[in-house]
Amino acid sequence: MPAAIKAEDIKTAPFDPRFPNTNQTRYCYQSYVDYHRCQKVRGADYAPCEYFSKVFHSVCPNGWVEKWDGQREEGTFPGNI
């Protein structure tokens, strides 16, 4: 059974001045792409890449992430990773 999540452990993505508007769609997409680029360049064990993972998991709808993961596996993802 998973451990209970404490209220102080719940955090959202910090402000990013590149995306000042309320609509966070671009922030979501860019964080997803940055995470996978970071892992590709630095390797899966590079801890600073986890920042991008936390951001896109916080900001992006789960359906989008699942769709993008499927597209990456099929080789049809539109982004440049």
PDB file of N, CA and C in Angstrom:
ATOM      1  N   MET A   1       0.843  -1.175   0.000  1.00  0.00           N
ATOM      2  CA  MET A   1       0.000   0.000   0.000  1.00  0.00           C
ATOM      3  C   MET A   1       0.892   1.243   0.000  1.00  0.00           C
ATOM      4  N   PRO A   2       0.612   2.206  -0.894  1.00  0.00           N
ATOM      5  CA  PRO A   2       1.440   3.408  -0.948  1.00  0.00           C
ATOM      6  C   PRO A   2       1.273   4.256   0.315  1.00  0.00           C
ATOM      7  N   ALA A   3       2.317   4.985   0.614  1.00  0.00           N
ATOM      8  CA  ALA A   3       2.294   5.869   1.778  1.00  0.00           C
ATOM      9  C   ALA A   3       1.376   7.058   1.505  1.00  0.00           C
ATOM     10  N   ALA A   4       0.773   7.577   2.544  1.00  0.00           N
ATOM     11  CA  ALA A   4      -0.112   8.731   2.410  1.00  0.00           C
ATOM     12  C   ALA A   4       0.700   9.970   2.026  1.00  0.00           C
ATOM     13  N   ILE A   5       0.120  10.809   1.190  1.00  0.00           N
ATOM     14  CA  ILE A   5       0.771  12.047   0.770  1.00  0.00           C
ATOM     15  C   ILE A   5       0.460  13.125   1.790  1.00  0.00           C
ATOM     16  N   LYS A   6       1.484  13.774   2.282  1.00  0.00           N
ATOM     17  CA  LYS A   6       1.315  14.853   3.246  1.00  0.00           C
ATOM     18  C   LYS A   6       1.033  16.165   2.522  1.00  0.00           C
ATOM     19  N   ALA A   7       0.285  17.038   3.152  1.00  0.00           N
ATOM     20  CA  ALA A   7      -0.086  18.314   2.540  1.00  0.00           C
ATOM     21  C   ALA A   7       1.148  19.141   2.181  1.00  0.00           C
ATOM     22  N   GLU A   8       2.186  19.096   2.999  1.00  0.00           N
ATOM     23  CA  GLU A   8       3.383  19.895   2.705  1.00  0.00           C
ATOM     24  C   GLU A   8       4.198  19.331   1.541  1.00  0.00           C
ATOM     25  N   ASP A   9       3.910  18.082   1.116  1.00  0.00           N
ATOM     26  CA  ASP A   9       4.603  17.481  -0.014  1.00  0.00           C
ATOM     27  C   ASP A   9       3.979  17.873  -1.353  1.00  0.00           C
ATOM     28  N   ILE A  10       2.777  18.418  -1.323  1.00  0.00           N
ATOM     29  CA  ILE A  10       2.080  18.785  -2.551  1.00  0.00           C
ATOM     30  C   ILE A  10       2.531  20.172  -2.976  1.00  0.00           C
ATOM     31  N   LYS A  11       3.088  20.253  -4.172  1.00  0.00           N
ATOM     32  CA  LYS A  11       3.582  21.528  -4.693  1.00  0.00           C
ATOM     33  C   LYS A  11       3.190  21.639  -6.150  1.00  0.00           C
ATOM     34  N   THR A  12       3.075  22.841  -6.634  1.00  0.00           N
ATOM     35  CA  THR A  12       2.793  23.069  -8.036  1.00  0.00           C
ATOM     36  C   THR A  12       4.032  23.664  -8.696  1.00  0.00           C
ATOM     37  N   ALA A  13       3.972  23.806  -9.988  1.00  0.00           N
ATOM     38  CA  ALA A  13       5.109  24.334 -10.738  1.00  0.00           C
ATOM     39  C   ALA A  13       5.358  25.790 -10.364  1.00  0.00           C
ATOM     40  N   PRO A  14       6.625  26.186 -10.233  1.00  0.00           N
ATOM     41  CA  PRO A  14       6.933  27.586  -9.918  1.00  0.00           C
ATOM     42  C   PRO A  14       6.689  28.489 -11.127  1.00  0.00           C
ATOM     43  N   PHE A  15       6.627  29.777 -10.887  1.00  0.00           N
ATOM     44  CA  PHE A  15       6.436  30.752 -11.956  1.00  0.00           C
ATOM     45  C   PHE A  15       7.618  30.719 -12.908  1.00  0.00           C
ATOM     46  N   ASP A  16       7.329  30.760 -14.187  1.00  0.00           N
ATOM     47  CA  ASP A  16       8.361  30.815 -15.220  1.00  0.00           C
ATOM     48  C   ASP A  16       8.096  32.066 -16.051  1.00  0.00           C
ATOM     49  N   PRO A  17       9.020  33.045 -16.046  1.00  0.00           N
ATOM     50  CA  PRO A  17       8.772  34.299 -16.754  1.00  0.00           C
ATOM     51  C   PRO A  17       8.627  34.146 -18.268  1.00  0.00           C
ATOM     52  N   ARG A  18       9.023  33.003 -18.818  1.00  0.00           N
ATOM     53  CA  ARG A  18       8.829  32.775 -20.256  1.00  0.00           C
ATOM     54  C   ARG A  18       7.358  32.562 -20.581  1.00  0.00           C
ATOM     55  N   PHE A  19       6.559  32.204 -19.568  1.00  0.00           N
ATOM     56  CA  PHE A  19       5.144  31.909 -19.765  1.00  0.00           C
ATOM     57  C   PHE A  19       4.315  32.693 -18.752  1.00  0.00           C
ATOM     58  N   PRO A  20       4.171  34.014 -18.942  1.00  0.00           N
ATOM     59  CA  PRO A  20       3.523  34.855 -17.935  1.00  0.00           C
ATOM     60  C   PRO A  20       1.997  34.795 -17.929  1.00  0.00           C
ATOM     61  N   ASN A  21       1.390  34.229 -18.945  1.00  0.00           N
ATOM     62  CA  ASN A  21      -0.067  34.248 -19.053  1.00  0.00           C
ATOM     63  C   ASN A  21      -0.709  33.134 -18.239  1.00  0.00           C
ATOM     64  N   THR A  22      -2.011  33.259 -18.071  1.00  0.00           N
ATOM     65  CA  THR A  22      -2.774  32.266 -17.328  1.00  0.00           C
ATOM     66  C   THR A  22      -2.772  30.925 -18.042  1.00  0.00           C
ATOM     67  N   ASN A  23      -2.867  30.924 -19.357  1.00  0.00           N
ATOM     68  CA  ASN A  23      -2.883  29.685 -20.123  1.00  0.00           C
ATOM     69  C   ASN A  23      -1.496  29.047 -20.065  1.00  0.00           C
ATOM     70  N   GLN A  24      -1.407  27.892 -19.456  1.00  0.00           N
ATOM     71  CA  GLN A  24      -0.118  27.241 -19.221  1.00  0.00           C
ATOM     72  C   GLN A  24       0.179  26.112 -20.210  1.00  0.00           C
ATOM     73  N   THR A  25      -0.521  26.077 -21.324  1.00  0.00           N
ATOM     74  CA  THR A  25      -0.345  25.006 -22.302  1.00  0.00           C
ATOM     75  C   THR A  25       1.086  24.951 -22.823  1.00  0.00           C
ATOM     76  N   ARG A  26       1.647  26.093 -23.186  1.00  0.00           N
ATOM     77  CA  ARG A  26       3.017  26.101 -23.711  1.00  0.00           C
ATOM     78  C   ARG A  26       4.022  25.687 -22.644  1.00  0.00           C
ATOM     79  N   TYR A  27       3.780  26.114 -21.407  1.00  0.00           N
ATOM     80  CA  TYR A  27       4.651  25.748 -20.280  1.00  0.00           C
ATOM     81  C   TYR A  27       4.626  24.233 -20.095  1.00  0.00           C
ATOM     82  N   CYS A  28       3.460  23.655 -20.184  1.00  0.00           N
ATOM     83  CA  CYS A  28       3.297  22.208 -20.072  1.00  0.00           C
ATOM     84  C   CYS A  28       4.107  21.503 -21.154  1.00  0.00           C
ATOM     85  N   TYR A  29       3.863  21.872 -22.407  1.00  0.00           N
ATOM     86  CA  TYR A  29       4.522  21.224 -23.540  1.00  0.00           C
ATOM     87  C   TYR A  29       6.040  21.410 -23.471  1.00  0.00           C
ATOM     88  N   GLN A  30       6.492  22.620 -23.201  1.00  0.00           N
ATOM     89  CA  GLN A  30       7.929  22.892 -23.166  1.00  0.00           C
ATOM     90  C   GLN A  30       8.612  22.134 -22.038  1.00  0.00           C
ATOM     91  N   SER A  31       7.964  21.998 -20.907  1.00  0.00           N
ATOM     92  CA  SER A  31       8.543  21.242 -19.793  1.00  0.00           C
ATOM     93  C   SER A  31       8.646  19.762 -20.133  1.00  0.00           C
ATOM     94  N   TYR A  32       7.633  19.235 -20.824  1.00  0.00           N
ATOM     95  CA  TYR A  32       7.668  17.833 -21.259  1.00  0.00           C
ATOM     96  C   TYR A  32       8.855  17.607 -22.203  1.00  0.00           C
ATOM     97  N   VAL A  33       8.986  18.489 -23.185  1.00  0.00           N
ATOM     98  CA  VAL A  33      10.083  18.373 -24.156  1.00  0.00           C
ATOM     99  C   VAL A  33      11.434  18.565 -23.462  1.00  0.00           C
ATOM    100  N   ASP A  34      11.552  19.556 -22.575  1.00  0.00           N
ATOM    101  CA  ASP A  34      12.807  19.803 -21.861  1.00  0.00           C
ATOM    102  C   ASP A  34      13.226  18.602 -21.018  1.00  0.00           C
ATOM    103  N   TYR A  35      12.257  17.950 -20.384  1.00  0.00           N
ATOM    104  CA  TYR A  35      12.567  16.761 -19.574  1.00  0.00           C
ATOM    105  C   TYR A  35      13.182  15.662 -20.441  1.00  0.00           C
ATOM    106  N   HIS A  36      12.564  15.385 -21.563  1.00  0.00           N
ATOM    107  CA  HIS A  36      13.069  14.296 -22.408  1.00  0.00           C
ATOM    108  C   HIS A  36      14.373  14.683 -23.124  1.00  0.00           C
ATOM    109  N   ARG A  37      14.537  15.942 -23.448  1.00  0.00           N
ATOM    110  CA  ARG A  37      15.822  16.397 -23.999  1.00  0.00           C
ATOM    111  C   ARG A  37      16.930  16.245 -22.958  1.00  0.00           C
ATOM    112  N   CYS A  38      16.632  16.643 -21.732  1.00  0.00           N
ATOM    113  CA  CYS A  38      17.608  16.555 -20.643  1.00  0.00           C
ATOM    114  C   CYS A  38      18.040  15.099 -20.441  1.00  0.00           C
ATOM    115  N   GLN A  39      17.064  14.193 -20.432  1.00  0.00           N
ATOM    116  CA  GLN A  39      17.404  12.778 -20.255  1.00  0.00           C
ATOM    117  C   GLN A  39      18.209  12.242 -21.433  1.00  0.00           C
ATOM    118  N   LYS A  40      17.891  12.710 -22.622  1.00  0.00           N
ATOM    119  CA  LYS A  40      18.615  12.251 -23.809  1.00  0.00           C
ATOM    120  C   LYS A  40      20.069  12.720 -23.779  1.00  0.00           C
ATOM    121  N   VAL A  41      20.282  13.977 -23.365  1.00  0.00           N
ATOM    122  CA  VAL A  41      21.626  14.559 -23.358  1.00  0.00           C
ATOM    123  C   VAL A  41      22.433  14.123 -22.138  1.00  0.00           C
ATOM    124  N   ARG A  42      21.806  14.162 -20.966  1.00  0.00           N
ATOM    125  CA  ARG A  42      22.520  13.911 -19.709  1.00  0.00           C
ATOM    126  C   ARG A  42      22.398  12.493 -19.184  1.00  0.00           C
ATOM    127  N   GLY A  43      21.420  11.756 -19.667  1.00  0.00           N
ATOM    128  CA  GLY A  43      21.201  10.398 -19.169  1.00  0.00           C
ATOM    129  C   GLY A  43      20.050  10.348 -18.178  1.00  0.00           C
ATOM    130  N   ALA A  44      19.476   9.176 -18.021  1.00  0.00           N
ATOM    131  CA  ALA A  44      18.285   9.007 -17.186  1.00  0.00           C
ATOM    132  C   ALA A  44      18.562   9.232 -15.705  1.00  0.00           C
ATOM    133  N   ASP A  45      19.810   9.100 -15.273  1.00  0.00           N
ATOM    134  CA  ASP A  45      20.132   9.223 -13.853  1.00  0.00           C
ATOM    135  C   ASP A  45      20.500  10.645 -13.430  1.00  0.00           C
ATOM    136  N   TYR A  46      20.417  11.600 -14.325  1.00  0.00           N
ATOM    137  CA  TYR A  46      20.797  12.984 -14.024  1.00  0.00           C
ATOM    138  C   TYR A  46      19.666  13.652 -13.234  1.00  0.00           C
ATOM    139  N   ALA A  47      19.900  13.908 -11.962  1.00  0.00           N
ATOM    140  CA  ALA A  47      18.863  14.380 -11.033  1.00  0.00           C
ATOM    141  C   ALA A  47      18.218  15.717 -11.419  1.00  0.00           C
ATOM    142  N   PRO A  48      18.955  16.718 -11.927  1.00  0.00           N
ATOM    143  CA  PRO A  48      18.288  17.981 -12.277  1.00  0.00           C
ATOM    144  C   PRO A  48      17.185  17.851 -13.334  1.00  0.00           C
ATOM    145  N   CYS A  49      17.189  16.784 -14.104  1.00  0.00           N
ATOM    146  CA  CYS A  49      16.113  16.577 -15.080  1.00  0.00           C
ATOM    147  C   CYS A  49      14.765  16.399 -14.383  1.00  0.00           C
ATOM    148  N   GLU A  50      14.789  15.947 -13.154  1.00  0.00           N
ATOM    149  CA  GLU A  50      13.549  15.698 -12.422  1.00  0.00           C
ATOM    150  C   GLU A  50      12.750  16.978 -12.200  1.00  0.00           C
ATOM    151  N   TYR A  51      13.412  18.137 -12.230  1.00  0.00           N
ATOM    152  CA  TYR A  51      12.687  19.406 -12.111  1.00  0.00           C
ATOM    153  C   TYR A  51      11.629  19.500 -13.215  1.00  0.00           C
ATOM    154  N   PHE A  52      12.032  19.220 -14.454  1.00  0.00           N
ATOM    155  CA  PHE A  52      11.112  19.303 -15.584  1.00  0.00           C
ATOM    156  C   PHE A  52      10.000  18.268 -15.463  1.00  0.00           C
ATOM    157  N   SER A  53      10.341  17.092 -14.953  1.00  0.00           N
ATOM    158  CA  SER A  53       9.333  16.049 -14.757  1.00  0.00           C
ATOM    159  C   SER A  53       8.273  16.507 -13.756  1.00  0.00           C
ATOM    160  N   LYS A  54       8.697  17.095 -12.659  1.00  0.00           N
ATOM    161  CA  LYS A  54       7.743  17.574 -11.659  1.00  0.00           C
ATOM    162  C   LYS A  54       6.853  18.673 -12.238  1.00  0.00           C
ATOM    163  N   VAL A  55       7.446  19.540 -13.052  1.00  0.00           N
ATOM    164  CA  VAL A  55       6.664  20.633 -13.637  1.00  0.00           C
ATOM    165  C   VAL A  55       5.616  20.084 -14.593  1.00  0.00           C
ATOM    166  N   PHE A  56       6.013  19.225 -15.531  1.00  0.00           N
ATOM    167  CA  PHE A  56       5.012  18.791 -16.499  1.00  0.00           C
ATOM    168  C   PHE A  56       3.978  17.868 -15.874  1.00  0.00           C
ATOM    169  N   HIS A  57       4.344  17.108 -14.842  1.00  0.00           N
ATOM    170  CA  HIS A  57       3.342  16.298 -14.166  1.00  0.00           C
ATOM    171  C   HIS A  57       2.370  17.174 -13.371  1.00  0.00           C
ATOM    172  N   SER A  58       2.824  18.331 -12.940  1.00  0.00           N
ATOM    173  CA  SER A  58       1.976  19.249 -12.195  1.00  0.00           C
ATOM    174  C   SER A  58       1.054  20.053 -13.112  1.00  0.00           C
ATOM    175  N   VAL A  59       1.565  20.476 -14.259  1.00  0.00           N
ATOM    176  CA  VAL A  59       0.840  21.397 -15.128  1.00  0.00           C
ATOM    177  C   VAL A  59       0.031  20.687 -16.214  1.00  0.00           C
ATOM    178  N   CYS A  60       0.536  19.596 -16.753  1.00  0.00           N
ATOM    179  CA  CYS A  60      -0.101  18.937 -17.896  1.00  0.00           C
ATOM    180  C   CYS A  60      -1.212  17.982 -17.475  1.00  0.00           C
ATOM    181  N   PRO A  61      -2.293  17.942 -18.249  1.00  0.00           N
ATOM    182  CA  PRO A  61      -3.321  16.920 -18.020  1.00  0.00           C
ATOM    183  C   PRO A  61      -2.740  15.524 -18.303  1.00  0.00           C
ATOM    184  N   ASN A  62      -3.154  14.534 -17.526  1.00  0.00           N
ATOM    185  CA  ASN A  62      -2.621  13.181 -17.679  1.00  0.00           C
ATOM    186  C   ASN A  62      -2.862  12.627 -19.075  1.00  0.00           C
ATOM    187  N   GLY A  63      -3.986  12.957 -19.670  1.00  0.00           N
ATOM    188  CA  GLY A  63      -4.285  12.473 -21.018  1.00  0.00           C
ATOM    189  C   GLY A  63      -3.275  12.945 -22.044  1.00  0.00           C
ATOM    190  N   TRP A  64      -2.804  14.173 -21.908  1.00  0.00           N
ATOM    191  CA  TRP A  64      -1.805  14.698 -22.834  1.00  0.00           C
ATOM    192  C   TRP A  64      -0.496  13.950 -22.684  1.00  0.00           C
ATOM    193  N   VAL A  65      -0.081  13.737 -21.446  1.00  0.00           N
ATOM    194  CA  VAL A  65       1.190  13.051 -21.191  1.00  0.00           C
ATOM    195  C   VAL A  65       1.135  11.635 -21.752  1.00  0.00           C
ATOM    196  N   GLU A  66       0.032  10.933 -21.529  1.00  0.00           N
ATOM    197  CA  GLU A  66      -0.120   9.578 -22.062  1.00  0.00           C
ATOM    198  C   GLU A  66      -0.078   9.584 -23.592  1.00  0.00           C
ATOM    199  N   LYS A  67      -0.742  10.560 -24.196  1.00  0.00           N
ATOM    200  CA  LYS A  67      -0.744  10.675 -25.654  1.00  0.00           C
ATOM    201  C   LYS A  67       0.667  10.930 -26.183  1.00  0.00           C
ATOM    202  N   TRP A  68       1.373  11.861 -25.546  1.00  0.00           N
ATOM    203  CA  TRP A  68       2.733  12.187 -25.990  1.00  0.00           C
ATOM    204  C   TRP A  68       3.680  11.018 -25.782  1.00  0.00           C
ATOM    205  N   ASP A  69       3.523  10.288 -24.671  1.00  0.00           N
ATOM    206  CA  ASP A  69       4.363   9.105 -24.443  1.00  0.00           C
ATOM    207  C   ASP A  69       4.139   8.079 -25.545  1.00  0.00           C
ATOM    208  N   GLY A  70       2.882   7.873 -25.915  1.00  0.00           N
ATOM    209  CA  GLY A  70       2.569   6.948 -27.000  1.00  0.00           C
ATOM    210  C   GLY A  70       3.159   7.401 -28.327  1.00  0.00           C
ATOM    211  N   GLN A  71       3.077   8.684 -28.596  1.00  0.00           N
ATOM    212  CA  GLN A  71       3.641   9.224 -29.835  1.00  0.00           C
ATOM    213  C   GLN A  71       5.157   9.084 -29.861  1.00  0.00           C
ATOM    214  N   ARG A  72       5.807   9.284 -28.716  1.00  0.00           N
ATOM    215  CA  ARG A  72       7.267   9.115 -28.678  1.00  0.00           C
ATOM    216  C   ARG A  72       7.647   7.663 -28.957  1.00  0.00           C
ATOM    217  N   GLU A  73       6.881   6.724 -28.375  1.00  0.00           N
ATOM    218  CA  GLU A  73       7.165   5.308 -28.588  1.00  0.00           C
ATOM    219  C   GLU A  73       6.969   4.919 -30.056  1.00  0.00           C
ATOM    220  N   GLU A  74       5.958   5.520 -30.710  1.00  0.00           N
ATOM    221  CA  GLU A  74       5.680   5.217 -32.112  1.00  0.00           C
ATOM    222  C   GLU A  74       6.575   5.998 -33.064  1.00  0.00           C
ATOM    223  N   GLY A  75       7.294   6.995 -32.549  1.00  0.00           N
ATOM    224  CA  GLY A  75       8.144   7.819 -33.399  1.00  0.00           C
ATOM    225  C   GLY A  75       7.391   8.914 -34.131  1.00  0.00           C
ATOM    226  N   THR A  76       6.185   9.263 -33.653  1.00  0.00           N
ATOM    227  CA  THR A  76       5.378  10.295 -34.327  1.00  0.00           C
ATOM    228  C   THR A  76       5.226  11.564 -33.506  1.00  0.00           C
ATOM    229  N   PHE A  77       5.994  11.711 -32.414  1.00  0.00           N
ATOM    230  CA  PHE A  77       5.889  12.902 -31.585  1.00  0.00           C
ATOM    231  C   PHE A  77       6.353  14.115 -32.389  1.00  0.00           C
ATOM    232  N   PRO A  78       5.549  15.203 -32.407  1.00  0.00           N
ATOM    233  CA  PRO A  78       5.877  16.345 -33.262  1.00  0.00           C
ATOM    234  C   PRO A  78       7.040  17.205 -32.739  1.00  0.00           C
ATOM    235  N   GLY A  79       7.403  17.059 -31.484  1.00  0.00           N
ATOM    236  CA  GLY A  79       8.461  17.907 -30.919  1.00  0.00           C
ATOM    237  C   GLY A  79       9.848  17.422 -31.281  1.00  0.00           C
ATOM    238  N   ASN A  80      10.813  18.309 -31.107  1.00  0.00           N
ATOM    239  CA  ASN A  80      12.218  17.999 -31.389  1.00  0.00           C
ATOM    240  C   ASN A  80      12.914  17.637 -30.085  1.00  0.00           C
ATOM    241  N   ILE A  81      13.040  16.340 -29.834  1.00  0.00           N
ATOM    242  CA  ILE A  81      13.676  15.888 -28.593  1.00  0.00           C
ATOM    243  C   ILE A  81      15.080  15.433 -28.913  1.00  0.00           C
TER     244      ILE A  81
END
